[in-house]
Amino acid sequence: MLKKLTLLLAGCAMLCFAPLAQAQEEFSQEIYEGCKTDGYSVNEDIKMDCWDIALQDYLMDKMDWEDINFYTLGFDLGESRPGIKSKKVVVFQRHRAYVIDLQEYLVSDNGEIAVKESGTYKVVRATDPEFAHDFHVSDKGSTMERLAQIPESGVPTSAKRVKGPQYKYQLIRMNRGEAAYVNENVKQFDRTYRSGYDVTVFDKDGDVVTSMIVDDGVHNIYRCDELGWHHIYSDEPVG
């Protein structure tokens, strides 16, 4: 009985550390250490750029991880493919002092996403103009800069700064189920909603200055209150 229990525990240990062992075989120790020291959660406001946002949206439909982290390997700003800017990102989970389940992705601003398998990149989402249209303005910094330029938003100009002295902001990514819910409600304005942010601006005392829902690129701004949904801004024609 003791021998069987010992074998069972050993088998469990191998299963638990299999992702880590796989990561060590496929990635260098330098990358492994980089993930530990410079990796960042998808929930962080400052480090998530437009390539990260695109990858996050894709992964949210494919993974059931509660903790998704990114580590930037580098950029290709058109050197290998003229006119296409790409970013190499390692996706991983944290487990105590370890990083596990490492996987490398190549994210391009034409909407394409590829995963690295056996040394080559396999396209898992093809080029799509729908995803490429607002690619470079989908990150949180660009969203706040755009909102600060639109009077109807009610966003104070200084709120676009990440560490402004008077205002702070919170942007919650809206995709999957949240985006589908918004889409159902904005159909009354002859609009569709694929992804964007739930934006809240706070003053220095933590009180809410304004809040709204915006799409990527801030082509439309919506508010929802006890009276229902309101379409307060658009730079797009109806229809």
Protein backbone atom coordinates (compact mmCIF):
# COMPACT_ATOMS: atom_id res chain seq x y z
CA MET A 1 0.00 0.00 0.00
CA LEU A 2 2.80 2.40 0.92
CA LYS A 3 4.57 1.60 -2.34
CA LYS A 4 1.41 2.36 -4.33
CA LEU A 5 0.92 5.65 -2.48
CA THR A 6 4.52 6.64 -3.16
CA LEU A 7 4.10 5.96 -6.88
CA LEU A 8 0.85 7.91 -6.93
CA LEU A 9 2.43 10.96 -5.29
CA ALA A 10 5.38 10.80 -7.65
CA GLY A 11 3.02 10.74 -10.59
CA CYS A 12 1.11 13.75 -9.26
CA ALA A 13 4.36 15.67 -8.83
CA MET A 14 5.29 14.98 -12.44
CA LEU A 15 1.91 16.25 -13.61
CA CYS A 16 2.12 19.38 -11.47
CA PHE A 17 5.54 20.35 -12.75
CA ALA A 18 5.12 19.19 -16.34
CA PRO A 19 4.35 22.72 -17.65
CA LEU A 20 7.43 24.11 -15.90
CA ALA A 21 9.62 21.35 -17.30
CA GLN A 22 8.24 21.98 -20.77
CA ALA A 23 8.92 25.71 -20.41
CA GLN A 24 12.53 25.06 -19.47
CA GLU A 25 12.99 22.86 -22.56
CA GLU A 26 11.48 25.37 -24.97
CA PHE A 27 12.69 28.68 -23.53
CA SER A 28 16.07 29.94 -22.41
CA GLN A 29 16.82 30.64 -18.78
CA GLU A 30 17.09 34.33 -19.72
CA ILE A 31 13.48 34.40 -20.91
CA TYR A 32 12.37 32.42 -17.88
CA GLU A 33 14.02 34.96 -15.57
CA GLY A 34 12.69 37.85 -17.65
CA CYS A 35 9.14 36.60 -17.15
CA LYS A 36 9.72 36.46 -13.40
CA THR A 37 11.17 39.97 -13.13
CA ASP A 38 9.58 41.94 -15.99
CA GLY A 39 6.36 40.06 -16.70
CA TYR A 40 3.11 41.93 -16.17
CA SER A 41 -0.50 41.01 -15.60
CA VAL A 42 -3.09 41.77 -18.27
CA ASN A 43 -4.89 43.79 -15.61
CA GLU A 44 -2.11 46.38 -15.35
CA ASP A 45 -3.01 49.80 -16.76
CA ILE A 46 0.37 51.21 -17.71
CA LYS A 47 2.23 48.41 -19.49
CA MET A 48 -0.57 47.12 -21.73
CA ASP A 49 -0.02 48.49 -25.25
CA CYS A 50 -2.18 47.94 -28.32
CA TRP A 51 -0.45 44.64 -29.22
CA ASP A 52 -1.10 43.37 -25.69
CA ILE A 53 -4.75 44.42 -25.86
CA ALA A 54 -5.24 42.57 -29.14
CA LEU A 55 -3.66 39.43 -27.70
CA GLN A 56 -5.67 39.72 -24.48
CA ASP A 57 -8.92 39.92 -26.46
CA TYR A 58 -7.96 36.81 -28.41
CA LEU A 59 -6.87 34.81 -25.37
CA MET A 60 -9.95 35.68 -23.33
CA ASP A 61 -11.96 33.56 -25.78
CA LYS A 62 -9.46 30.71 -25.78
CA MET A 63 -8.19 30.33 -22.19
CA ASP A 64 -9.83 29.69 -18.85
CA TRP A 65 -6.83 30.98 -16.90
CA GLU A 66 -7.61 33.32 -14.04
CA ASP A 67 -4.10 34.76 -14.15
CA ILE A 68 -2.68 35.70 -17.57
CA ASN A 69 0.71 37.41 -17.72
CA PHE A 70 2.75 38.84 -20.59
CA TYR A 71 6.46 39.33 -21.16
CA THR A 72 7.70 41.38 -24.12
CA LEU A 73 10.35 39.66 -26.23
CA GLY A 74 10.72 42.41 -28.81
CA PHE A 75 9.26 44.34 -31.73
CA ASP A 76 9.49 44.06 -35.49
CA LEU A 77 8.59 47.49 -36.88
CA GLY A 78 8.50 46.43 -40.50
CA GLU A 79 11.99 45.01 -40.90
CA SER A 80 10.84 41.52 -41.93
CA ARG A 81 7.43 42.47 -43.34
CA PRO A 82 7.31 46.04 -44.75
CA GLY A 83 4.34 47.99 -43.52
CA ILE A 84 3.44 45.53 -40.76
CA LYS A 85 4.42 46.15 -37.15
CA SER A 86 4.58 43.12 -34.88
CA LYS A 87 5.38 42.26 -31.30
CA LYS A 88 6.66 39.00 -29.82
CA VAL A 89 5.00 38.21 -26.49
CA VAL A 90 5.44 35.33 -24.07
CA VAL A 91 2.22 34.38 -22.28
CA PHE A 92 2.53 32.61 -18.95
CA GLN A 93 1.03 31.94 -15.54
CA ARG A 94 2.58 32.50 -12.13
CA HIS A 95 2.72 29.72 -9.56
CA ARG A 96 4.29 30.83 -6.29
CA ALA A 97 7.91 31.62 -7.13
CA TYR A 98 7.69 29.99 -10.56
CA VAL A 99 6.38 30.91 -13.99
CA ILE A 100 4.66 28.08 -15.88
CA ASP A 101 2.85 27.29 -19.14
CA LEU A 102 5.00 29.59 -21.28
CA GLN A 103 3.88 30.12 -24.86
CA GLU A 104 5.19 32.60 -27.44
CA TYR A 105 2.88 34.64 -29.71
CA LEU A 106 3.50 37.01 -32.60
CA VAL A 107 0.92 39.81 -32.72
CA SER A 108 0.71 42.03 -35.83
CA ASP A 109 -1.10 45.31 -36.40
CA ASN A 110 -2.91 43.89 -39.44
CA GLY A 111 -5.00 41.75 -37.08
CA GLU A 112 -2.96 38.59 -37.44
CA ILE A 113 -1.96 36.51 -34.40
CA ALA A 114 0.38 33.52 -34.58
CA VAL A 115 1.60 31.06 -31.95
CA LYS A 116 5.09 29.57 -32.01
CA GLU A 117 5.15 25.78 -32.24
CA SER A 118 8.29 23.69 -32.86
CA GLY A 119 10.26 26.75 -33.86
CA THR A 120 7.78 28.15 -36.41
CA TYR A 121 4.82 30.51 -36.15
CA LYS A 122 1.39 29.05 -36.79
CA VAL A 123 -1.33 31.60 -37.62
CA VAL A 124 -4.28 31.20 -35.27
CA ARG A 125 -6.11 34.36 -36.35
CA ALA A 126 -5.78 35.54 -39.92
CA THR A 127 -5.38 39.11 -41.13
CA ASP A 128 -8.68 40.93 -40.75
CA PRO A 129 -9.37 44.62 -41.56
CA GLU A 130 -11.97 44.67 -38.76
CA PHE A 131 -9.28 44.01 -36.16
CA ALA A 132 -6.69 46.20 -37.89
CA HIS A 133 -8.88 49.31 -38.21
CA ASP A 134 -8.41 50.67 -34.68
CA PHE A 135 -5.39 48.60 -33.70
CA HIS A 136 -3.05 51.46 -32.77
CA VAL A 137 -5.65 53.39 -30.80
CA SER A 138 -7.08 50.51 -28.75
CA ASP A 139 -4.72 50.81 -25.77
CA LYS A 140 -5.65 52.65 -22.60
CA GLY A 141 -3.31 55.61 -23.04
CA SER A 142 -4.61 56.41 -26.53
CA THR A 143 -8.18 56.03 -25.33
CA MET A 144 -7.73 58.61 -22.56
CA GLU A 145 -5.92 61.04 -24.86
CA ARG A 146 -8.78 60.80 -27.33
CA LEU A 147 -11.44 61.26 -24.63
CA ALA A 148 -9.67 64.35 -23.30
CA GLN A 149 -10.08 65.91 -26.76
CA ILE A 150 -13.85 65.35 -26.84
CA PRO A 151 -15.85 67.89 -24.77
CA GLU A 152 -18.93 65.66 -24.68
CA SER A 153 -16.98 63.05 -22.70
CA GLY A 154 -16.63 65.30 -19.66
CA VAL A 155 -13.07 64.03 -19.15
CA PRO A 156 -10.80 66.75 -17.71
CA THR A 157 -7.79 67.40 -19.95
CA SER A 158 -5.26 66.50 -17.24
CA ALA A 159 -6.95 63.13 -16.67
CA LYS A 160 -5.24 61.68 -19.72
CA ARG A 161 -1.99 61.54 -17.77
CA VAL A 162 -1.44 58.27 -15.95
CA LYS A 163 -0.16 60.01 -12.82
CA GLY A 164 -1.95 63.34 -13.05
CA PRO A 165 -2.01 65.38 -9.82
CA GLN A 166 -5.77 65.94 -9.79
CA TYR A 167 -7.42 63.02 -11.52
CA LYS A 168 -7.10 59.28 -11.81
CA TYR A 169 -8.85 56.94 -14.17
CA GLN A 170 -9.92 53.33 -14.37
CA LEU A 171 -10.42 51.49 -17.65
CA ILE A 172 -12.03 48.04 -17.59
CA ARG A 173 -11.70 46.06 -20.81
CA MET A 174 -15.03 45.23 -22.41
CA ASN A 175 -14.96 42.08 -24.55
CA ARG A 176 -16.73 38.76 -24.85
CA GLY A 177 -19.92 38.72 -22.78
CA GLU A 178 -19.62 42.33 -21.62
CA ALA A 179 -19.24 43.54 -25.21
CA ALA A 180 -22.18 41.42 -26.35
CA TYR A 181 -24.34 43.02 -23.63
CA VAL A 182 -23.32 46.52 -24.71
CA ASN A 183 -23.92 45.62 -28.34
CA GLU A 184 -27.49 44.56 -27.62
CA ASN A 185 -28.19 47.91 -25.97
CA VAL A 186 -26.58 50.18 -28.56
CA LYS A 187 -28.46 48.63 -31.48
CA GLN A 188 -31.19 51.17 -30.69
CA PHE A 189 -28.74 53.85 -31.89
CA ASP A 190 -27.96 51.90 -35.07
CA ARG A 191 -24.53 51.03 -33.71
CA THR A 192 -22.55 47.85 -33.11
CA TYR A 193 -20.07 47.26 -30.31
CA ARG A 194 -17.24 44.73 -30.56
CA SER A 195 -14.78 45.82 -27.85
CA GLY A 196 -13.69 48.84 -25.85
CA TYR A 197 -13.65 50.13 -22.28
CA ASP A 198 -15.79 51.02 -19.31
CA VAL A 199 -14.13 54.30 -18.28
CA THR A 200 -14.38 56.02 -14.88
CA VAL A 201 -12.55 59.21 -13.91
CA PHE A 202 -11.98 60.02 -10.21
CA ASP A 203 -10.85 63.24 -8.56
CA LYS A 204 -8.11 63.41 -5.93
CA ASP A 205 -10.63 62.55 -3.17
CA GLY A 206 -11.76 59.41 -4.98
CA ASP A 207 -15.12 60.80 -6.06
CA VAL A 208 -16.42 59.96 -9.53
CA VAL A 209 -16.09 62.86 -11.97
CA THR A 210 -17.56 61.08 -14.98
CA SER A 211 -18.04 57.61 -16.41
CA MET A 212 -18.90 56.17 -19.80
CA ILE A 213 -18.52 53.25 -22.17
CA VAL A 214 -16.45 53.72 -25.32
CA ASP A 215 -15.52 51.56 -28.27
CA ASP A 216 -11.96 51.08 -29.52
CA GLY A 217 -10.80 54.26 -31.22
CA VAL A 218 -13.47 56.23 -29.29
CA HIS A 219 -15.79 56.51 -32.28
CA ASN A 220 -18.80 56.34 -29.96
CA ILE A 221 -19.42 57.25 -26.32
CA TYR A 222 -22.33 55.86 -24.32
CA ARG A 223 -23.70 56.35 -20.83
CA CYS A 224 -26.16 54.25 -18.92
CA ASP A 225 -28.23 55.51 -15.97
CA GLU A 226 -31.62 54.92 -14.38
CA LEU A 227 -33.28 56.40 -17.47
CA GLY A 228 -31.57 53.97 -19.82
CA TRP A 229 -28.82 54.15 -22.42
CA HIS A 230 -27.62 57.40 -23.99
CA HIS A 231 -25.52 57.90 -27.12
CA ILE A 232 -23.63 61.09 -26.32
CA TYR A 233 -20.98 61.20 -29.04
CA SER A 234 -20.14 59.71 -32.42
CA ASP A 235 -17.77 60.47 -35.28
CA GLU A 236 -19.44 57.86 -37.49
CA PRO A 237 -22.36 58.30 -39.85
CA VAL A 238 -25.59 56.51 -39.02
CA GLY A 239 -26.18 53.32 -40.96
